[in-house]
Each structure stands twice: as C-alpha cells, then as structure tokens.
C-alpha cells in the first residue's frame, strides 16, 4: 500500500503482519537503524492497563526506541479510528520536521489505512442509536451483530473482522444514522499525504507462525494472563476487553468452560485472527512481504530504493 504520489523526501515505513509474527522486534530494529521513533498501529496496545494479553512492548523494548500510542488510553476511554488518524497525522508532521523516516508498526489494518490513505468524515452517532446497538450486542452477542451487519451492509460484512464488535457496531450505527452503507461512505480514493509510504509485511510459513502463536499464548499464561483477566472480570463489558485472550478467560470465569478449554480457544481464535489479518494485508498493492528475521535485507529495501 502506498500513499498518493508525493514529491516529499519523508518516508513512513509501515511494518505490519499477522499477530505473533515478530513485528515488535523488527520495528524496533528498523527504527534503531533509521534513528527514528515508532507509532503503534495496534489498537489492542493502546490501553495502559492491558499488557500481557495484548503482547505490549516490554519496558526494555520501549527503552530502546521511543514509542507513541502505546498505553496512552485507559480501558474506560472512548476512542475511535478517526481520533487516531487525526492524532497520528499531527504527530507525524512534528516528527518529520526532524526525521527523514518514521515507523508505523502494528497489525490493526483499519488504523494503518486511516494514517496512510484516510477515511471520509463520518457523522456523529446519536446516543440513543448507540444504546440501541449496544443493547442488541449485550443480548445477542457477536452473532446478533453479524446478522444485523450482513443485512444492512453485506459488502462491509465481507471485509470486517467479525470478532471485533466495535467495528461492526460502528458500521451499523452509521447506517442507522445516515441510511447509507458504511462501505459506501468510506473513502475509496487515497488522500494525498505529505510523505511517501513504504509497507513491509512480516511473513512466516504458516506452521512456523502458528507454532509461535501457540508458544506465545503459553508464555502469556506463565506471565500472568489469568491474573490479568481475573482483575478485569468485573469490567468485561468494556469494549477494550472484548478481544481475544480475555473473552475466552471470561467465559471460563463465568463457568461456561474449563481453564484448559479457554486456553485452547485463545490459541485457536488467535490463529483465526492471524488468517484474517493476512487476508487484509494481501489487498495492499506495492508491498514487500519479508521474513522478519531478515533485518539487513529489509533495511536495504528501505534505504536503497527510497
């Protein structure tokens, strides 16, 4: 994925790929070599209270390179992709005044798209409409949202992460507010950005990736994921906690499955999420799919082909 043509000599290096592939380590190595800073495009890592289940960068990793949009929100805060776009672009303008490169790293495709190509300004949603959609979700869960979204916007239904209630609810809210499909209102033409974009998709053989995901879940459990879920069980209704890694443990805490079943579900759902991410990234044109361990080769791609 590239931005619209620009004569700028400033470059945004997008480091993305499926969960568990090794984006954090790669982005830190690249930012260190380029002597620059990192903007996170991982929506799960925005929340300061959640670190284990979101695989947030460790204090040691954060100390190596300055990161932005990591732990800048509370789980109680309202936040959306439009707010992120505005804040990220403002920060990029500041960083590009002193850096030729900035790294945007993460696996949340919608947030990457917002920074690199933008969205139409979507209308504010009436509180009553938001409550209406929330009530359907509370009573019917993800299945109810999926059925509703498929009926009002089948195009977006085929694109959206069907495990993410926030994105589905937003599309339904926009439809109820405007009478128009969210898929139609989103920008289809890239907005001109005052910087060029180079996109690196970290990629591993499927079995290698799945093995890393399984190992990471086991490590999260060893690091205290269960205790983290216990702490937030009473807040499980919050949008920030409706995500893989927590919702499965909340099911266990609610008595609907065993702990071992919950952990296996985390692994299965994380692998499914990785597959959906890969499908999303395949639609990006002009990208370099690389093994994340080939840091030297990736650096040469970025610098020699600027």
C-alpha atoms as a PDB file:
ATOM      1  CA  UNK A   1       0.000   0.000   0.000  1.00  0.00           C
ATOM      2  CA  UNK A   2       1.351   3.405  -0.949  1.00  0.00           C
ATOM      3  CA  UNK A   3       0.126   6.914  -0.465  1.00  0.00           C
ATOM      4  CA  UNK A   4      -0.881   9.129  -3.350  1.00  0.00           C
ATOM      5  CA  UNK A   5       2.138  10.321  -5.332  1.00  0.00           C
ATOM      6  CA  UNK A   6       4.150  12.926  -3.493  1.00  0.00           C
ATOM      7  CA  UNK A   7       7.477  14.621  -4.016  1.00  0.00           C
ATOM      8  CA  UNK A   8       8.225  14.520  -0.286  1.00  0.00           C
ATOM      9  CA  UNK A   9      11.554  13.105   0.834  1.00  0.00           C
ATOM     10  CA  UNK A  10       9.970  11.970   4.103  1.00  0.00           C
ATOM     11  CA  UNK A  11       9.088   8.288   4.387  1.00  0.00           C
ATOM     12  CA  UNK A  12       6.625   6.499   6.622  1.00  0.00           C
ATOM     13  CA  UNK A  13       7.770   2.892   6.997  1.00  0.00           C
ATOM     14  CA  UNK A  14       4.775   0.676   7.751  1.00  0.00           C
ATOM     15  CA  UNK A  15       5.714  -2.563   9.498  1.00  0.00           C
ATOM     16  CA  UNK A  16       2.706  -4.853   9.659  1.00  0.00           C
ATOM     17  CA  UNK A  17       1.753  -8.515   9.525  1.00  0.00           C
ATOM     18  CA  UNK A  18      -0.263 -11.063  11.476  1.00  0.00           C
ATOM     19  CA  UNK A  19      -0.241 -11.320  15.244  1.00  0.00           C
ATOM     20  CA  UNK A  20       2.719 -13.238  16.632  1.00  0.00           C
ATOM     21  CA  UNK A  21       4.876 -12.855  13.526  1.00  0.00           C
ATOM     22  CA  UNK A  22       7.519 -10.652  15.177  1.00  0.00           C
ATOM     23  CA  UNK A  23       6.537  -7.078  14.270  1.00  0.00           C
ATOM     24  CA  UNK A  24       7.659  -5.557  17.560  1.00  0.00           C
ATOM     25  CA  UNK A  25      11.244  -6.769  17.360  1.00  0.00           C
ATOM     26  CA  UNK A  26      11.517  -5.947  13.656  1.00  0.00           C
ATOM     27  CA  UNK A  27      10.115  -2.437  14.026  1.00  0.00           C
ATOM     28  CA  UNK A  28      12.497  -1.670  16.896  1.00  0.00           C
ATOM     29  CA  UNK A  29      15.484  -2.891  14.876  1.00  0.00           C
ATOM     30  CA  UNK A  30      14.427  -0.784  11.865  1.00  0.00           C
ATOM     31  CA  UNK A  31      13.697   2.323  13.929  1.00  0.00           C
ATOM     32  CA  UNK A  32      17.048   1.987  15.673  1.00  0.00           C
ATOM     33  CA  UNK A  33      18.886   1.749  12.354  1.00  0.00           C
ATOM     34  CA  UNK A  34      16.922   4.686  10.909  1.00  0.00           C
ATOM     35  CA  UNK A  35      17.381   6.686  14.118  1.00  0.00           C
ATOM     36  CA  UNK A  36      13.707   7.430  14.441  1.00  0.00           C
ATOM     37  CA  UNK A  37      10.594   6.754  16.511  1.00  0.00           C
ATOM     38  CA  UNK A  38       7.658   4.330  16.342  1.00  0.00           C
ATOM     39  CA  UNK A  39       3.918   4.971  16.156  1.00  0.00           C
ATOM     40  CA  UNK A  40       1.895   1.954  17.210  1.00  0.00           C
ATOM     41  CA  UNK A  41      -0.939   0.841  14.944  1.00  0.00           C
ATOM     42  CA  UNK A  42      -2.017  -1.955  17.267  1.00  0.00           C
ATOM     43  CA  UNK A  43      -5.375  -0.953  18.708  1.00  0.00           C
ATOM     44  CA  UNK A  44      -5.117  -3.552  21.478  1.00  0.00           C
ATOM     45  CA  UNK A  45      -1.934  -1.976  22.816  1.00  0.00           C
ATOM     46  CA  UNK A  46      -3.474   1.476  23.248  1.00  0.00           C
ATOM     47  CA  UNK A  47      -4.737   0.571  26.730  1.00  0.00           C
ATOM     48  CA  UNK A  48      -2.291   1.067  29.571  1.00  0.00           C
ATOM     49  CA  UNK A  49      -3.953  -1.441  31.908  1.00  0.00           C
ATOM     50  CA  UNK A  50      -3.601  -4.314  29.435  1.00  0.00           C
ATOM     51  CA  UNK A  51      -0.101  -5.542  28.785  1.00  0.00           C
ATOM     52  CA  UNK A  52       0.135  -9.318  28.993  1.00  0.00           C
ATOM     53  CA  UNK A  53      -2.886 -10.242  26.854  1.00  0.00           C
ATOM     54  CA  UNK A  54      -2.055  -7.636  24.212  1.00  0.00           C
ATOM     55  CA  UNK A  55       1.649  -8.563  23.940  1.00  0.00           C
ATOM     56  CA  UNK A  56       2.556  -4.919  24.502  1.00  0.00           C
ATOM     57  CA  UNK A  57       6.220  -3.962  24.142  1.00  0.00           C
ATOM     58  CA  UNK A  58       8.189  -4.652  27.316  1.00  0.00           C
ATOM     59  CA  UNK A  59       9.772  -1.817  29.328  1.00  0.00           C
ATOM     60  CA  UNK A  60      13.128  -2.873  27.881  1.00  0.00           C
ATOM     61  CA  UNK A  61      11.791  -2.652  24.319  1.00  0.00           C
ATOM     62  CA  UNK A  62      10.182   0.721  24.996  1.00  0.00           C
ATOM     63  CA  UNK A  63      13.509   1.960  26.344  1.00  0.00           C
ATOM     64  CA  UNK A  64      15.341   1.049  23.121  1.00  0.00           C
ATOM     65  CA  UNK A  65      13.201   3.230  20.850  1.00  0.00           C
ATOM     66  CA  UNK A  66      10.622   5.869  21.687  1.00  0.00           C
ATOM     67  CA  UNK A  67       7.068   4.615  21.081  1.00  0.00           C
ATOM     68  CA  UNK A  68       3.836   6.553  20.655  1.00  0.00           C
ATOM     69  CA  UNK A  69       0.257   5.280  21.059  1.00  0.00           C
ATOM     70  CA  UNK A  70       1.259   2.523  23.444  1.00  0.00           C
ATOM     71  CA  UNK A  71      -0.613   2.670  26.741  1.00  0.00           C
ATOM     72  CA  UNK A  72      -1.929   6.170  26.082  1.00  0.00           C
ATOM     73  CA  UNK A  73      -5.533   5.246  26.917  1.00  0.00           C
ATOM     74  CA  UNK A  74      -7.474   3.758  29.799  1.00  0.00           C
ATOM     75  CA  UNK A  75      -9.876   0.880  29.186  1.00  0.00           C
ATOM     76  CA  UNK A  76     -12.605   3.303  30.246  1.00  0.00           C
ATOM     77  CA  UNK A  77     -11.783   5.824  27.497  1.00  0.00           C
ATOM     78  CA  UNK A  78     -13.830   6.215  24.327  1.00  0.00           C
ATOM     79  CA  UNK A  79     -11.631   6.122  21.246  1.00  0.00           C
ATOM     80  CA  UNK A  80     -12.108   5.521  17.533  1.00  0.00           C
ATOM     81  CA  UNK A  81     -10.126   5.321  14.329  1.00  0.00           C
ATOM     82  CA  UNK A  82     -10.928   8.906  13.298  1.00  0.00           C
ATOM     83  CA  UNK A  83      -9.451  10.223  16.530  1.00  0.00           C
ATOM     84  CA  UNK A  84      -6.375   8.112  15.967  1.00  0.00           C
ATOM     85  CA  UNK A  85      -5.982   9.359  12.396  1.00  0.00           C
ATOM     86  CA  UNK A  86      -6.089  12.990  13.486  1.00  0.00           C
ATOM     87  CA  UNK A  87      -3.629  12.490  16.333  1.00  0.00           C
ATOM     88  CA  UNK A  88      -1.242  10.315  14.320  1.00  0.00           C
ATOM     89  CA  UNK A  89      -1.060  12.766  11.413  1.00  0.00           C
ATOM     90  CA  UNK A  90      -0.408  15.668  13.777  1.00  0.00           C
ATOM     91  CA  UNK A  91       2.395  13.721  15.432  1.00  0.00           C
ATOM     92  CA  UNK A  92       3.879  12.698  12.072  1.00  0.00           C
ATOM     93  CA  UNK A  93       4.025  16.332  10.995  1.00  0.00           C
ATOM     94  CA  UNK A  94       6.054  17.072  14.110  1.00  0.00           C
ATOM     95  CA  UNK A  95       8.348  14.050  13.794  1.00  0.00           C
ATOM     96  CA  UNK A  96       9.039  14.606  10.105  1.00  0.00           C
ATOM     97  CA  UNK A  97      10.391  18.065  10.928  1.00  0.00           C
ATOM     98  CA  UNK A  98      13.435  16.331  12.436  1.00  0.00           C
ATOM     99  CA  UNK A  99      13.393  12.822  10.921  1.00  0.00           C
ATOM    100  CA  UNK A 100      13.509  11.524   7.338  1.00  0.00           C
ATOM    101  CA  UNK A 101      11.851   8.266   8.411  1.00  0.00           C
ATOM    102  CA  UNK A 102       9.169   7.340  10.933  1.00  0.00           C
ATOM    103  CA  UNK A 103       7.998   3.780  11.620  1.00  0.00           C
ATOM    104  CA  UNK A 104       4.307   2.874  11.897  1.00  0.00           C
ATOM    105  CA  UNK A 105       4.080  -0.617  13.397  1.00  0.00           C
ATOM    106  CA  UNK A 106       1.121  -2.859  14.179  1.00  0.00           C
ATOM    107  CA  UNK A 107      -1.454  -5.253  12.858  1.00  0.00           C
ATOM    108  CA  UNK A 108      -4.660  -3.203  13.007  1.00  0.00           C
ATOM    109  CA  UNK A 109      -5.322  -2.713   9.296  1.00  0.00           C
ATOM    110  CA  UNK A 110      -8.077  -0.162   9.730  1.00  0.00           C
ATOM    111  CA  UNK A 111      -5.760   2.114  11.722  1.00  0.00           C
ATOM    112  CA  UNK A 112      -2.952   1.712   9.190  1.00  0.00           C
ATOM    113  CA  UNK A 113      -5.366   2.592   6.389  1.00  0.00           C
ATOM    114  CA  UNK A 114      -6.517   5.686   8.283  1.00  0.00           C
ATOM    115  CA  UNK A 115      -2.993   7.078   8.512  1.00  0.00           C
ATOM    116  CA  UNK A 116      -1.859   6.130   5.009  1.00  0.00           C
ATOM    117  CA  UNK A 117      -4.959   6.930   2.973  1.00  0.00           C
ATOM    118  CA  UNK A 118      -7.634   8.341   5.251  1.00  0.00           C
ATOM    119  CA  UNK A 119     -11.383   7.999   5.582  1.00  0.00           C
ATOM    120  CA  UNK A 120     -14.322  10.219   4.861  1.00  0.00           C
ATOM    121  CA  UNK A 121     -15.515  12.194   7.850  1.00  0.00           C
ATOM    122  CA  UNK A 122     -18.313  10.051   9.249  1.00  0.00           C
ATOM    123  CA  UNK A 123     -21.240  11.614  11.108  1.00  0.00           C
ATOM    124  CA  UNK A 124     -21.527  11.625  14.898  1.00  0.00           C
ATOM    125  CA  UNK A 125     -23.859   8.972  16.224  1.00  0.00           C
ATOM    126  CA  UNK A 126     -26.854   9.796  18.369  1.00  0.00           C
ATOM    127  CA  UNK A 127     -26.638   8.382  21.904  1.00  0.00           C
ATOM    128  CA  UNK A 128     -29.974   6.600  21.517  1.00  0.00           C
ATOM    129  CA  UNK A 129     -28.779   4.798  18.401  1.00  0.00           C
ATOM    130  CA  UNK A 130     -25.576   3.776  20.149  1.00  0.00           C
ATOM    131  CA  UNK A 131     -27.574   2.397  23.071  1.00  0.00           C
ATOM    132  CA  UNK A 132     -29.872   0.537  20.678  1.00  0.00           C
ATOM    133  CA  UNK A 133     -26.937  -1.220  19.048  1.00  0.00           C
ATOM    134  CA  UNK A 134     -25.247  -1.863  22.399  1.00  0.00           C
ATOM    135  CA  UNK A 135     -28.405  -3.491  23.719  1.00  0.00           C
ATOM    136  CA  UNK A 136     -28.560  -5.877  20.757  1.00  0.00           C
ATOM    137  CA  UNK A 137     -24.929  -6.799  21.390  1.00  0.00           C
ATOM    138  CA  UNK A 138     -25.491  -7.314  25.115  1.00  0.00           C
ATOM    139  CA  UNK A 139     -28.454  -9.579  24.481  1.00  0.00           C
ATOM    140  CA  UNK A 140     -27.336 -11.427  21.353  1.00  0.00           C
ATOM    141  CA  UNK A 141     -23.558 -11.157  21.332  1.00  0.00           C
ATOM    142  CA  UNK A 142     -21.396 -11.269  18.223  1.00  0.00           C
ATOM    143  CA  UNK A 143     -23.840 -13.459  16.311  1.00  0.00           C
ATOM    144  CA  UNK A 144     -26.571 -10.823  16.562  1.00  0.00           C
ATOM    145  CA  UNK A 145     -24.208  -8.096  15.324  1.00  0.00           C
ATOM    146  CA  UNK A 146     -23.036 -10.261  12.435  1.00  0.00           C
ATOM    147  CA  UNK A 147     -26.588 -10.972  11.274  1.00  0.00           C
ATOM    148  CA  UNK A 148     -27.555  -7.306  11.543  1.00  0.00           C
ATOM    149  CA  UNK A 149     -24.457  -6.080   9.719  1.00  0.00           C
ATOM    150  CA  UNK A 150     -24.839  -8.647   6.954  1.00  0.00           C
ATOM    151  CA  UNK A 151     -28.416  -7.470   6.364  1.00  0.00           C
ATOM    152  CA  UNK A 152     -27.593  -3.748   6.137  1.00  0.00           C
ATOM    153  CA  UNK A 153     -24.093  -3.758   4.643  1.00  0.00           C
ATOM    154  CA  UNK A 154     -23.082  -7.115   3.120  1.00  0.00           C
ATOM    155  CA  UNK A 155     -20.025  -5.560   1.458  1.00  0.00           C
ATOM    156  CA  UNK A 156     -18.507  -4.398   4.738  1.00  0.00           C
ATOM    157  CA  UNK A 157     -19.532  -7.689   6.352  1.00  0.00           C
ATOM    158  CA  UNK A 158     -17.117  -9.469   3.994  1.00  0.00           C
ATOM    159  CA  UNK A 159     -14.264  -7.105   4.920  1.00  0.00           C
ATOM    160  CA  UNK A 160     -14.606  -6.509   8.648  1.00  0.00           C
ATOM    161  CA  UNK A 161     -13.034  -8.508  11.460  1.00  0.00           C
ATOM    162  CA  UNK A 162     -16.095 -10.488  12.565  1.00  0.00           C
ATOM    163  CA  UNK A 163     -14.581 -10.980  16.009  1.00  0.00           C
ATOM    164  CA  UNK A 164     -14.396  -7.227  16.605  1.00  0.00           C
ATOM    165  CA  UNK A 165     -17.719  -5.909  17.965  1.00  0.00           C
ATOM    166  CA  UNK A 166     -16.585  -2.267  17.873  1.00  0.00           C
ATOM    167  CA  UNK A 167     -16.144  -2.170  14.109  1.00  0.00           C
ATOM    168  CA  UNK A 168     -19.392  -3.989  13.457  1.00  0.00           C
ATOM    169  CA  UNK A 169     -21.306  -1.733  15.829  1.00  0.00           C
ATOM    170  CA  UNK A 170     -19.800   1.365  14.219  1.00  0.00           C
ATOM    171  CA  UNK A 171     -20.920   0.270  10.738  1.00  0.00           C
ATOM    172  CA  UNK A 172     -24.444  -0.430  11.993  1.00  0.00           C
ATOM    173  CA  UNK A 173     -24.578   2.907  13.818  1.00  0.00           C
ATOM    174  CA  UNK A 174     -23.529   4.788  10.685  1.00  0.00           C
ATOM    175  CA  UNK A 175     -26.205   3.008   8.660  1.00  0.00           C
ATOM    176  CA  UNK A 176     -28.913   3.803  11.218  1.00  0.00           C
ATOM    177  CA  UNK A 177     -27.774   7.430  11.371  1.00  0.00           C
ATOM    178  CA  UNK A 178     -27.413   8.125   7.640  1.00  0.00           C
ATOM    179  CA  UNK A 179     -29.373   5.389   5.866  1.00  0.00           C
ATOM    180  CA  UNK A 180     -26.212   4.740   3.857  1.00  0.00           C
ATOM    181  CA  UNK A 181     -23.816   1.824   3.987  1.00  0.00           C
ATOM    182  CA  UNK A 182     -20.595   2.294   5.904  1.00  0.00           C
ATOM    183  CA  UNK A 183     -18.803   0.637   2.974  1.00  0.00           C
ATOM    184  CA  UNK A 184     -20.085   3.385   0.667  1.00  0.00           C
ATOM    185  CA  UNK A 185     -19.155   6.250   2.949  1.00  0.00           C
ATOM    186  CA  UNK A 186     -15.582   5.174   3.483  1.00  0.00           C
ATOM    187  CA  UNK A 187     -13.011   6.835   1.278  1.00  0.00           C
ATOM    188  CA  UNK A 188     -12.180   4.759  -1.787  1.00  0.00           C
ATOM    189  CA  UNK A 189      -9.586   7.141  -3.215  1.00  0.00           C
ATOM    190  CA  UNK A 190      -6.313   7.646  -1.381  1.00  0.00           C
ATOM    191  CA  UNK A 191      -5.915  11.061   0.191  1.00  0.00           C
ATOM    192  CA  UNK A 192      -2.716  12.913  -0.554  1.00  0.00           C
ATOM    193  CA  UNK A 193      -0.304  12.646   2.343  1.00  0.00           C
ATOM    194  CA  UNK A 194       2.769  14.878   2.680  1.00  0.00           C
ATOM    195  CA  UNK A 195       5.025  11.836   2.935  1.00  0.00           C
ATOM    196  CA  UNK A 196       5.696   8.660   0.982  1.00  0.00           C
ATOM    197  CA  UNK A 197       4.690   5.258   2.369  1.00  0.00           C
ATOM    198  CA  UNK A 198       6.693   2.042   2.206  1.00  0.00           C
ATOM    199  CA  UNK A 199       4.913  -1.025   3.527  1.00  0.00           C
ATOM    200  CA  UNK A 200       6.677  -4.081   4.888  1.00  0.00           C
ATOM    201  CA  UNK A 201       4.516  -7.126   5.665  1.00  0.00           C
ATOM    202  CA  UNK A 202       6.288  -9.514   8.020  1.00  0.00           C
ATOM    203  CA  UNK A 203       5.591 -13.061   6.876  1.00  0.00           C
ATOM    204  CA  UNK A 204       6.448 -16.553   8.044  1.00  0.00           C
ATOM    205  CA  UNK A 205       5.491 -20.032   6.807  1.00  0.00           C
ATOM    206  CA  UNK A 206       2.043 -20.871   8.182  1.00  0.00           C
ATOM    207  CA  UNK A 207       3.144 -23.665  10.517  1.00  0.00           C
ATOM    208  CA  UNK A 208       6.014 -21.555  11.848  1.00  0.00           C
ATOM    209  CA  UNK A 209       3.597 -18.707  12.563  1.00  0.00           C
ATOM    210  CA  UNK A 210       1.047 -20.953  14.246  1.00  0.00           C
ATOM    211  CA  UNK A 211       3.762 -22.524  16.386  1.00  0.00           C
ATOM    212  CA  UNK A 212       4.858 -19.072  17.536  1.00  0.00           C
ATOM    213  CA  UNK A 213       1.264 -18.140  18.359  1.00  0.00           C
ATOM    214  CA  UNK A 214       0.767 -21.264  20.468  1.00  0.00           C
ATOM    215  CA  UNK A 215       4.039 -20.675  22.294  1.00  0.00           C
ATOM    216  CA  UNK A 216       3.195 -17.045  22.916  1.00  0.00           C
ATOM    217  CA  UNK A 217      -0.159 -17.921  24.468  1.00  0.00           C
ATOM    218  CA  UNK A 218       1.572 -20.383  26.795  1.00  0.00           C
ATOM    219  CA  UNK A 219       4.083 -17.676  27.701  1.00  0.00           C
ATOM    220  CA  UNK A 220       1.290 -15.182  28.373  1.00  0.00           C
ATOM    221  CA  UNK A 221      -0.303 -17.647  30.771  1.00  0.00           C
ATOM    222  CA  UNK A 222       3.043 -18.128  32.512  1.00  0.00           C
ATOM    223  CA  UNK A 223       3.498 -14.341  32.695  1.00  0.00           C
ATOM    224  CA  UNK A 224       0.152 -13.810  34.447  1.00  0.00           C
ATOM    225  CA  UNK A 225      -2.582 -13.605  31.813  1.00  0.00           C
ATOM    226  CA  UNK A 226      -5.046 -15.444  34.061  1.00  0.00           C
ATOM    227  CA  UNK A 227      -4.434 -12.992  36.893  1.00  0.00           C
ATOM    228  CA  UNK A 228      -4.856 -10.092  34.484  1.00  0.00           C
ATOM    229  CA  UNK A 229      -8.212 -11.484  33.323  1.00  0.00           C
ATOM    230  CA  UNK A 230      -9.320 -12.045  36.927  1.00  0.00           C
ATOM    231  CA  UNK A 231      -8.557  -8.415  37.706  1.00  0.00           C
ATOM    232  CA  UNK A 232     -10.698  -7.156  34.827  1.00  0.00           C
ATOM    233  CA  UNK A 233     -13.536  -9.697  35.001  1.00  0.00           C
ATOM    234  CA  UNK A 234     -15.895  -7.192  36.575  1.00  0.00           C
ATOM    235  CA  UNK A 235     -15.170  -4.826  33.660  1.00  0.00           C
ATOM    236  CA  UNK A 236     -15.669  -7.413  30.932  1.00  0.00           C
ATOM    237  CA  UNK A 237     -18.453  -5.337  29.381  1.00  0.00           C
ATOM    238  CA  UNK A 238     -15.971  -2.673  28.254  1.00  0.00           C
ATOM    239  CA  UNK A 239     -15.156  -2.618  24.553  1.00  0.00           C
ATOM    240  CA  UNK A 240     -11.425  -2.724  25.218  1.00  0.00           C
ATOM    241  CA  UNK A 241     -11.831  -6.143  26.818  1.00  0.00           C
ATOM    242  CA  UNK A 242     -13.942  -7.703  24.066  1.00  0.00           C
ATOM    243  CA  UNK A 243     -10.891  -9.197  22.454  1.00  0.00           C
ATOM    244  CA  UNK A 244      -9.077 -12.484  22.009  1.00  0.00           C
ATOM    245  CA  UNK A 245      -7.241 -13.561  25.122  1.00  0.00           C
ATOM    246  CA  UNK A 246      -9.627 -12.005  27.586  1.00  0.00           C
ATOM    247  CA  UNK A 247     -13.065 -13.043  26.388  1.00  0.00           C
ATOM    248  CA  UNK A 248     -12.123 -16.731  26.441  1.00  0.00           C
ATOM    249  CA  UNK A 249     -10.915 -16.453  30.040  1.00  0.00           C
ATOM    250  CA  UNK A 250     -14.054 -14.514  30.946  1.00  0.00           C
ATOM    251  CA  UNK A 251     -16.048 -17.495  29.639  1.00  0.00           C
ATOM    252  CA  UNK A 252     -14.055 -19.718  31.982  1.00  0.00           C
ATOM    253  CA  UNK A 253     -14.634 -17.377  34.897  1.00  0.00           C
ATOM    254  CA  UNK A 254     -18.346 -17.384  34.067  1.00  0.00           C
ATOM    255  CA  UNK A 255     -18.328 -21.171  34.295  1.00  0.00           C
ATOM    256  CA  UNK A 256     -19.075 -21.986  30.652  1.00  0.00           C
ATOM    257  CA  UNK A 257     -15.823 -23.882  30.005  1.00  0.00           C
ATOM    258  CA  UNK A 258     -12.758 -25.254  31.754  1.00  0.00           C
ATOM    259  CA  UNK A 259      -9.486 -23.362  32.030  1.00  0.00           C
ATOM    260  CA  UNK A 260      -7.723 -25.719  29.619  1.00  0.00           C
ATOM    261  CA  UNK A 261     -10.550 -25.279  27.125  1.00  0.00           C
ATOM    262  CA  UNK A 262     -10.291 -21.485  27.453  1.00  0.00           C
ATOM    263  CA  UNK A 263      -6.553 -21.555  26.770  1.00  0.00           C
ATOM    264  CA  UNK A 264      -7.032 -23.743  23.705  1.00  0.00           C
ATOM    265  CA  UNK A 265      -9.744 -21.354  22.493  1.00  0.00           C
ATOM    266  CA  UNK A 266      -7.306 -18.455  22.831  1.00  0.00           C
ATOM    267  CA  UNK A 267      -4.832 -20.290  20.612  1.00  0.00           C
ATOM    268  CA  UNK A 268      -7.490 -21.225  18.060  1.00  0.00           C
ATOM    269  CA  UNK A 269      -9.043 -17.748  17.918  1.00  0.00           C
ATOM    270  CA  UNK A 270      -5.623 -16.100  17.683  1.00  0.00           C
ATOM    271  CA  UNK A 271      -4.707 -18.313  14.725  1.00  0.00           C
ATOM    272  CA  UNK A 272      -8.024 -17.417  13.063  1.00  0.00           C
ATOM    273  CA  UNK A 273      -7.368 -13.738  13.676  1.00  0.00           C
ATOM    274  CA  UNK A 274      -3.933 -14.073  12.078  1.00  0.00           C
ATOM    275  CA  UNK A 275      -5.513 -15.600   8.971  1.00  0.00           C
ATOM    276  CA  UNK A 276      -7.938 -12.679   8.689  1.00  0.00           C
ATOM    277  CA  UNK A 277      -5.079 -10.210   9.050  1.00  0.00           C
ATOM    278  CA  UNK A 278      -3.137 -11.906   6.256  1.00  0.00           C
ATOM    279  CA  UNK A 279      -6.201 -11.686   4.009  1.00  0.00           C
ATOM    280  CA  UNK A 280      -6.479  -7.961   4.785  1.00  0.00           C
ATOM    281  CA  UNK A 281      -2.828  -7.255   4.006  1.00  0.00           C
ATOM    282  CA  UNK A 282      -2.949  -9.147   0.710  1.00  0.00           C
ATOM    283  CA  UNK A 283      -5.100  -6.377  -0.735  1.00  0.00           C
ATOM    284  CA  UNK A 284      -2.307  -3.824  -0.230  1.00  0.00           C
ATOM    285  CA  UNK A 285      -0.507  -3.065  -3.507  1.00  0.00           C
ATOM    286  CA  UNK A 286       3.210  -2.322  -3.756  1.00  0.00           C
ATOM    287  CA  UNK A 287       4.209  -4.085  -0.540  1.00  0.00           C
ATOM    288  CA  UNK A 288       7.248  -6.130   0.351  1.00  0.00           C
ATOM    289  CA  UNK A 289       6.454  -9.454   2.029  1.00  0.00           C
ATOM    290  CA  UNK A 290       9.536 -10.398   4.025  1.00  0.00           C
ATOM    291  CA  UNK A 291      10.691 -12.771   6.732  1.00  0.00           C
ATOM    292  CA  UNK A 292      11.053 -10.611   9.847  1.00  0.00           C
ATOM    293  CA  UNK A 293      14.413 -12.158  10.733  1.00  0.00           C
ATOM    294  CA  UNK A 294      15.984 -10.701   7.558  1.00  0.00           C
ATOM    295  CA  UNK A 295      16.611  -7.290   9.088  1.00  0.00           C
ATOM    296  CA  UNK A 296      19.608  -6.449   6.891  1.00  0.00           C
ATOM    297  CA  UNK A 297      17.706  -7.294   3.728  1.00  0.00           C
ATOM    298  CA  UNK A 298      14.727  -5.203   4.824  1.00  0.00           C
ATOM    299  CA  UNK A 299      16.953  -2.222   5.608  1.00  0.00           C
ATOM    300  CA  UNK A 300      18.457  -2.408   2.141  1.00  0.00           C
ATOM    301  CA  UNK A 301      14.965  -2.417   0.629  1.00  0.00           C
ATOM    302  CA  UNK A 302      14.061   0.716   2.535  1.00  0.00           C
ATOM    303  CA  UNK A 303      17.212   2.730   2.065  1.00  0.00           C
ATOM    304  CA  UNK A 304      18.439   1.708  -1.391  1.00  0.00           C
ATOM    305  CA  UNK A 305      15.019   2.064  -3.043  1.00  0.00           C
ATOM    306  CA  UNK A 306      13.920   5.299  -1.421  1.00  0.00           C
END
